[in-house]
C-alpha cells in the first residue's frame, strides 16, 4: 500500500490567550510548540505543552485546549479523497 498524504494545512499560529472548545479530530494533526504554555486534552487526558513540544492527534480523537502559545500546525489527509487544491499554507 502506497501512502500519498495530502497537506491540508501548514501554518504558523500565535495565541495570546486561547480556549478551544471540544472537537473531534478529522485528519492527522501535528502541532509543534515554539514557546508559551498550553494544556491540551486528548481523549480525556491532559497534556501540558511547553517550548519544543510536538503533539500528534489522529482522526476520531476528542480534543480541546487552553493557553498562550506560538506554534506550527501541520494537518494531513491519508484517505486519498482530498484534491491538492484544498491545501492551506501560510507562514507569517
Protein backbone atom coordinates (compact mmCIF):
# COMPACT_ATOMS: atom_id res chain seq x y z
CA UNK A 1 0.00 0.00 0.00
CA UNK A 2 1.45 3.33 -1.10
CA UNK A 3 0.88 6.31 1.19
CA UNK A 4 0.01 9.52 -0.60
CA UNK A 5 -0.63 12.12 2.14
CA UNK A 6 -2.11 15.47 1.20
CA UNK A 7 -1.15 18.59 3.16
CA UNK A 8 -4.41 20.28 4.16
CA UNK A 9 -2.95 22.96 6.40
CA UNK A 10 0.52 24.14 7.30
CA UNK A 11 0.82 27.44 9.12
CA UNK A 12 2.27 29.43 11.96
CA UNK A 13 -0.22 30.25 14.72
CA UNK A 14 0.11 32.59 17.70
CA UNK A 15 -2.40 32.85 20.55
CA UNK A 16 -2.06 35.28 23.45
CA UNK A 17 -4.92 33.69 25.34
CA UNK A 18 -6.92 30.92 23.78
CA UNK A 19 -9.56 28.42 24.75
CA UNK A 20 -10.53 25.77 22.22
CA UNK A 21 -13.91 24.02 22.58
CA UNK A 22 -14.08 20.24 22.42
CA UNK A 23 -13.99 18.89 18.90
CA UNK A 24 -13.50 15.58 17.12
CA UNK A 25 -10.28 15.33 15.10
CA UNK A 26 -11.00 14.65 11.42
CA UNK A 27 -7.48 14.40 9.92
CA UNK A 28 -3.95 13.77 11.20
CA UNK A 29 -2.67 16.83 13.09
CA UNK A 30 0.82 17.78 14.22
CA UNK A 31 1.43 20.81 16.46
CA UNK A 32 4.99 21.99 17.15
CA UNK A 33 5.06 24.47 20.04
CA UNK A 34 7.76 27.14 19.82
CA UNK A 35 7.08 28.83 23.16
CA UNK A 36 4.37 29.63 25.65
CA UNK A 37 2.30 27.31 27.79
CA UNK A 38 -0.75 25.37 26.74
CA UNK A 39 -2.69 22.49 28.17
CA UNK A 40 -4.34 20.21 25.67
CA UNK A 41 -6.85 17.47 26.42
CA UNK A 42 -6.91 14.42 24.16
CA UNK A 43 -9.48 11.70 24.86
CA UNK A 44 -9.86 12.82 28.48
CA UNK A 45 -6.13 13.02 29.31
CA UNK A 46 -4.47 16.41 29.96
CA UNK A 47 -1.07 17.15 28.45
CA UNK A 48 0.92 20.28 29.36
CA UNK A 49 2.75 21.72 26.35
CA UNK A 50 5.82 23.91 26.55
CA UNK A 51 8.64 25.00 24.27
CA UNK A 52 9.66 22.46 21.58
CA UNK A 53 6.81 20.08 22.39
CA UNK A 54 5.32 18.08 19.47
CA UNK A 55 1.72 16.90 19.72
CA UNK A 56 0.12 14.36 17.36
CA UNK A 57 -3.62 13.74 17.03
CA UNK A 58 -5.39 11.22 14.80
CA UNK A 59 -8.94 11.02 13.41
CA UNK A 60 -11.63 10.19 15.94
CA UNK A 61 -9.86 11.62 18.98
CA UNK A 62 -11.69 14.22 21.10
CA UNK A 63 -9.57 17.30 21.86
CA UNK A 64 -9.67 20.76 23.46
CA UNK A 65 -7.08 23.15 24.86
CA UNK A 66 -6.27 26.42 26.60
CA UNK A 67 -3.23 28.64 26.93
CA UNK A 68 -0.81 31.15 25.42
CA UNK A 69 1.46 29.80 22.70
CA UNK A 70 3.27 30.10 19.37
CA UNK A 71 3.23 27.03 17.16
CA UNK A 72 3.36 25.50 13.72
CA UNK A 73 0.39 23.42 12.60
CA UNK A 74 0.53 20.61 10.03
CA UNK A 75 -2.68 18.79 9.05
CA UNK A 76 -2.53 15.77 6.73
CA UNK A 77 -5.11 13.62 4.95
CA UNK A 78 -4.29 9.99 4.10
CA UNK A 79 -7.73 9.00 2.75
CA UNK A 80 -7.00 9.94 -0.86
CA UNK A 81 -10.34 11.71 -1.12
CA UNK A 82 -8.93 15.26 -0.95
CA UNK A 83 -7.58 17.06 -4.01
CA UNK A 84 -4.44 19.22 -3.98
CA UNK A 85 -6.48 22.43 -4.42
CA UNK A 86 -7.73 22.15 -0.82
CA UNK A 87 -4.32 22.98 0.71
CA UNK A 88 -3.91 25.99 3.01
CA UNK A 89 -0.33 27.07 3.70
CA UNK A 90 0.61 30.32 5.43
CA UNK A 91 3.71 31.39 7.30
CA UNK A 92 3.58 34.94 8.61
